[in-house]
Amino acid sequence: MEAHSKPLPNSSRDEKQTFIKQKYVERLFVKPIQNMTKETLLLQAVHDDVLVDVVHALALGADINCIRFYLKKKRFKIYLFLSQINNKIIK
């Protein structure tokens, strides 16, 4: 059996297990991305509301918690910005 060929019904158990491992654990059949991380792809896809790219990023193994950390970081930056404006207004 080739490294990436789909096993047949009469293929050995080892060949089927190898294929399953390549497909679901090693994710060899998911199209790789260029020039960005999988988390960046996920964040951009969520921002742009592109469900296909969200699924692609998750299939690549993107950490879904990166969204939470990203939003927390953004809120913190907004908070700092607003507090600086508030301090200027009070002075």
N, C-alpha and C. Protein backbone atom coordinates (compact mmCIF):
# COMPACT_ATOMS: atom_id res chain seq x y z
N MET A 1 0.84 -1.19 0.00
CA MET A 1 0.00 0.00 0.00
C MET A 1 0.88 1.24 0.00
N GLU A 2 0.54 2.24 -0.82
CA GLU A 2 1.28 3.49 -0.84
C GLU A 2 1.00 4.27 0.44
N ALA A 3 1.84 5.25 0.73
CA ALA A 3 1.71 6.01 1.96
C ALA A 3 0.38 6.74 2.06
N HIS A 4 -0.17 7.20 0.93
CA HIS A 4 -1.38 8.01 0.99
C HIS A 4 -2.57 7.39 0.27
N SER A 5 -2.51 6.12 -0.07
CA SER A 5 -3.62 5.52 -0.79
C SER A 5 -4.66 4.99 0.19
N LYS A 6 -5.91 5.09 -0.22
CA LYS A 6 -7.00 4.64 0.62
C LYS A 6 -7.05 3.11 0.59
N PRO A 7 -7.17 2.49 1.75
CA PRO A 7 -7.20 1.03 1.76
C PRO A 7 -8.50 0.48 1.16
N LEU A 8 -8.42 -0.69 0.65
CA LEU A 8 -9.58 -1.38 0.07
C LEU A 8 -10.22 -2.28 1.13
N PRO A 9 -11.44 -2.74 0.89
CA PRO A 9 -12.08 -3.63 1.87
C PRO A 9 -11.25 -4.87 2.18
N ASN A 10 -10.47 -5.35 1.22
CA ASN A 10 -9.66 -6.55 1.46
C ASN A 10 -8.24 -6.22 1.93
N SER A 11 -7.96 -4.94 2.24
CA SER A 11 -6.64 -4.56 2.75
C SER A 11 -6.46 -5.11 4.16
N SER A 12 -5.21 -5.26 4.54
CA SER A 12 -4.93 -5.79 5.88
C SER A 12 -5.32 -4.77 6.96
N ARG A 13 -5.49 -5.28 8.16
CA ARG A 13 -5.83 -4.42 9.30
C ARG A 13 -4.74 -3.35 9.51
N ASP A 14 -3.49 -3.74 9.36
CA ASP A 14 -2.38 -2.79 9.53
C ASP A 14 -2.46 -1.65 8.51
N GLU A 15 -2.78 -1.99 7.27
CA GLU A 15 -2.91 -0.96 6.24
C GLU A 15 -4.05 0.00 6.57
N LYS A 16 -5.15 -0.52 7.04
CA LYS A 16 -6.30 0.32 7.41
C LYS A 16 -5.95 1.21 8.60
N GLN A 17 -5.27 0.65 9.58
CA GLN A 17 -4.87 1.44 10.75
C GLN A 17 -3.89 2.54 10.37
N THR A 18 -2.96 2.23 9.48
CA THR A 18 -2.00 3.23 9.02
C THR A 18 -2.72 4.37 8.32
N PHE A 19 -3.67 4.05 7.48
CA PHE A 19 -4.44 5.07 6.77
C PHE A 19 -5.22 5.95 7.76
N ILE A 20 -5.88 5.32 8.71
CA ILE A 20 -6.67 6.07 9.70
C ILE A 20 -5.76 6.99 10.50
N LYS A 21 -4.60 6.51 10.89
CA LYS A 21 -3.65 7.34 11.64
C LYS A 21 -3.17 8.52 10.80
N GLN A 22 -2.85 8.27 9.52
CA GLN A 22 -2.42 9.35 8.64
C GLN A 22 -3.52 10.39 8.46
N LYS A 23 -4.75 9.94 8.35
CA LYS A 23 -5.86 10.85 8.07
C LYS A 23 -6.28 11.65 9.31
N TYR A 24 -6.43 10.99 10.44
CA TYR A 24 -7.00 11.65 11.60
C TYR A 24 -6.00 12.13 12.64
N VAL A 25 -4.86 11.50 12.74
CA VAL A 25 -3.87 11.91 13.73
C VAL A 25 -2.83 12.83 13.11
N GLU A 26 -2.26 12.39 11.99
CA GLU A 26 -1.21 13.17 11.34
C GLU A 26 -1.76 14.24 10.40
N ARG A 27 -3.04 14.14 10.06
CA ARG A 27 -3.74 15.10 9.20
C ARG A 27 -3.02 15.32 7.87
N LEU A 28 -2.57 14.24 7.27
CA LEU A 28 -1.80 14.33 6.03
C LEU A 28 -2.64 14.73 4.82
N PHE A 29 -3.94 14.61 4.92
CA PHE A 29 -4.79 14.89 3.77
C PHE A 29 -5.40 16.29 3.80
N VAL A 30 -5.08 17.08 4.81
CA VAL A 30 -5.57 18.45 4.92
C VAL A 30 -4.59 19.36 4.17
N LYS A 31 -5.15 20.19 3.31
CA LYS A 31 -4.32 21.11 2.50
C LYS A 31 -3.57 22.08 3.42
N PRO A 32 -2.25 22.15 3.32
CA PRO A 32 -1.50 23.07 4.18
C PRO A 32 -1.74 24.53 3.77
N ILE A 33 -1.46 25.44 4.69
CA ILE A 33 -1.61 26.87 4.41
C ILE A 33 -0.24 27.50 4.23
N GLN A 34 -0.22 28.60 3.53
CA GLN A 34 1.03 29.32 3.28
C GLN A 34 1.02 30.67 3.97
N ASN A 35 2.15 31.11 4.46
CA ASN A 35 2.38 32.48 4.95
C ASN A 35 1.56 32.88 6.17
N MET A 36 1.04 31.93 6.93
CA MET A 36 0.38 32.29 8.19
C MET A 36 0.27 31.04 9.05
N THR A 37 0.05 31.27 10.33
CA THR A 37 -0.15 30.14 11.23
C THR A 37 -1.59 29.69 11.15
N LYS A 38 -1.84 28.50 11.64
CA LYS A 38 -3.22 28.00 11.63
C LYS A 38 -4.11 28.81 12.57
N GLU A 39 -3.54 29.36 13.65
CA GLU A 39 -4.33 30.21 14.54
C GLU A 39 -4.67 31.54 13.87
N THR A 40 -3.72 32.09 13.10
CA THR A 40 -3.99 33.32 12.35
C THR A 40 -5.11 33.09 11.34
N LEU A 41 -5.06 31.96 10.66
CA LEU A 41 -6.12 31.61 9.72
C LEU A 41 -7.46 31.53 10.44
N LEU A 42 -7.48 30.91 11.61
CA LEU A 42 -8.72 30.79 12.38
C LEU A 42 -9.26 32.15 12.78
N LEU A 43 -8.39 33.00 13.31
CA LEU A 43 -8.83 34.34 13.73
C LEU A 43 -9.35 35.16 12.55
N GLN A 44 -8.64 35.10 11.44
CA GLN A 44 -9.06 35.85 10.25
C GLN A 44 -10.39 35.31 9.72
N ALA A 45 -10.54 34.00 9.72
CA ALA A 45 -11.78 33.39 9.23
C ALA A 45 -12.97 33.74 10.11
N VAL A 46 -12.77 33.75 11.42
CA VAL A 46 -13.85 34.14 12.34
C VAL A 46 -14.19 35.60 12.13
N HIS A 47 -13.17 36.43 12.02
CA HIS A 47 -13.40 37.87 11.80
C HIS A 47 -14.15 38.13 10.51
N ASP A 48 -13.76 37.43 9.43
CA ASP A 48 -14.37 37.63 8.12
C ASP A 48 -15.63 36.80 7.91
N ASP A 49 -15.96 35.96 8.90
CA ASP A 49 -17.15 35.12 8.85
C ASP A 49 -17.11 34.16 7.65
N VAL A 50 -15.96 33.49 7.49
CA VAL A 50 -15.77 32.53 6.40
C VAL A 50 -15.70 31.13 7.03
N LEU A 51 -16.84 30.46 7.04
CA LEU A 51 -16.96 29.18 7.73
C LEU A 51 -16.02 28.12 7.15
N VAL A 52 -15.83 28.10 5.86
CA VAL A 52 -14.95 27.11 5.23
C VAL A 52 -13.53 27.23 5.77
N ASP A 53 -13.05 28.46 5.94
CA ASP A 53 -11.70 28.66 6.47
C ASP A 53 -11.63 28.33 7.96
N VAL A 54 -12.72 28.55 8.69
CA VAL A 54 -12.75 28.16 10.10
C VAL A 54 -12.57 26.65 10.20
N VAL A 55 -13.34 25.91 9.40
CA VAL A 55 -13.24 24.45 9.42
C VAL A 55 -11.85 24.01 8.98
N HIS A 56 -11.28 24.67 7.98
CA HIS A 56 -9.94 24.33 7.50
C HIS A 56 -8.91 24.53 8.62
N ALA A 57 -8.99 25.65 9.31
CA ALA A 57 -8.05 25.92 10.40
C ALA A 57 -8.19 24.89 11.51
N LEU A 58 -9.42 24.53 11.83
CA LEU A 58 -9.63 23.52 12.86
C LEU A 58 -9.13 22.15 12.41
N ALA A 59 -9.31 21.83 11.13
CA ALA A 59 -8.80 20.57 10.60
C ALA A 59 -7.28 20.52 10.65
N LEU A 60 -6.64 21.67 10.53
CA LEU A 60 -5.18 21.74 10.63
C LEU A 60 -4.70 21.60 12.07
N GLY A 61 -5.65 21.73 13.01
CA GLY A 61 -5.29 21.60 14.42
C GLY A 61 -5.11 22.92 15.13
N ALA A 62 -5.74 23.98 14.63
CA ALA A 62 -5.64 25.29 15.28
C ALA A 62 -6.21 25.21 16.70
N ASP A 63 -5.60 25.92 17.60
CA ASP A 63 -6.05 25.96 18.99
C ASP A 63 -7.25 26.89 19.09
N ILE A 64 -8.42 26.35 19.42
CA ILE A 64 -9.63 27.18 19.47
C ILE A 64 -9.57 28.19 20.61
N ASN A 65 -8.71 27.97 21.59
CA ASN A 65 -8.57 28.93 22.69
C ASN A 65 -7.84 30.19 22.27
N CYS A 66 -7.20 30.19 21.11
CA CYS A 66 -6.49 31.39 20.66
C CYS A 66 -7.48 32.54 20.48
N ILE A 67 -8.72 32.24 20.16
CA ILE A 67 -9.74 33.30 20.00
C ILE A 67 -9.98 33.98 21.34
N ARG A 68 -10.10 33.19 22.39
CA ARG A 68 -10.34 33.75 23.73
C ARG A 68 -9.18 34.66 24.13
N PHE A 69 -7.94 34.19 23.92
CA PHE A 69 -6.77 35.00 24.29
C PHE A 69 -6.68 36.25 23.41
N TYR A 70 -7.01 36.11 22.15
CA TYR A 70 -6.99 37.25 21.23
C TYR A 70 -8.00 38.30 21.68
N LEU A 71 -9.20 37.87 21.98
CA LEU A 71 -10.24 38.82 22.40
C LEU A 71 -9.89 39.47 23.73
N LYS A 72 -9.33 38.69 24.65
CA LYS A 72 -8.92 39.24 25.94
C LYS A 72 -7.84 40.30 25.72
N LYS A 73 -6.89 40.02 24.85
CA LYS A 73 -5.82 40.97 24.54
C LYS A 73 -6.39 42.24 23.91
N LYS A 74 -7.35 42.07 22.98
CA LYS A 74 -7.97 43.22 22.33
C LYS A 74 -8.72 44.07 23.35
N ARG A 75 -9.49 43.41 24.22
CA ARG A 75 -10.23 44.16 25.24
C ARG A 75 -9.26 44.93 26.13
N PHE A 76 -8.13 44.31 26.48
CA PHE A 76 -7.15 44.97 27.32
C PHE A 76 -6.60 46.21 26.62
N LYS A 77 -6.30 46.09 25.32
CA LYS A 77 -5.80 47.23 24.56
C LYS A 77 -6.85 48.34 24.50
N ILE A 78 -8.10 47.96 24.28
CA ILE A 78 -9.18 48.96 24.24
C ILE A 78 -9.32 49.62 25.60
N TYR A 79 -9.24 48.83 26.68
CA TYR A 79 -9.32 49.37 28.02
C TYR A 79 -8.20 50.38 28.27
N LEU A 80 -6.97 50.03 27.88
CA LEU A 80 -5.85 50.96 28.06
C LEU A 80 -6.07 52.24 27.27
N PHE A 81 -6.53 52.10 26.04
CA PHE A 81 -6.80 53.26 25.20
C PHE A 81 -7.85 54.16 25.83
N LEU A 82 -8.95 53.57 26.28
CA LEU A 82 -10.02 54.37 26.90
C LEU A 82 -9.57 55.01 28.21
N SER A 83 -8.77 54.29 28.98
CA SER A 83 -8.29 54.87 30.25
C SER A 83 -7.34 56.04 29.98
N GLN A 84 -6.55 55.96 28.91
CA GLN A 84 -5.68 57.08 28.56
C GLN A 84 -6.50 58.29 28.14
N ILE A 85 -7.54 58.07 27.37
CA ILE A 85 -8.42 59.17 26.96
C ILE A 85 -9.09 59.77 28.18
N ASN A 86 -9.56 58.92 29.07
CA ASN A 86 -10.23 59.39 30.28
C ASN A 86 -9.28 60.23 31.12
N ASN A 87 -8.02 59.83 31.26
CA ASN A 87 -7.04 60.60 32.04
C ASN A 87 -6.79 61.96 31.39
N LYS A 88 -6.78 62.04 30.08
CA LYS A 88 -6.57 63.31 29.39
C LYS A 88 -7.76 64.24 29.58
N ILE A 89 -8.95 63.66 29.58
CA ILE A 89 -10.17 64.49 29.78
C ILE A 89 -10.21 65.05 31.19
N ILE A 90 -9.84 64.24 32.18
CA ILE A 90 -9.88 64.69 33.58
C ILE A 90 -8.86 65.78 33.82
N LYS A 91 -7.71 65.72 33.20
CA LYS A 91 -6.65 66.71 33.41
C LYS A 91 -7.07 67.95 32.71
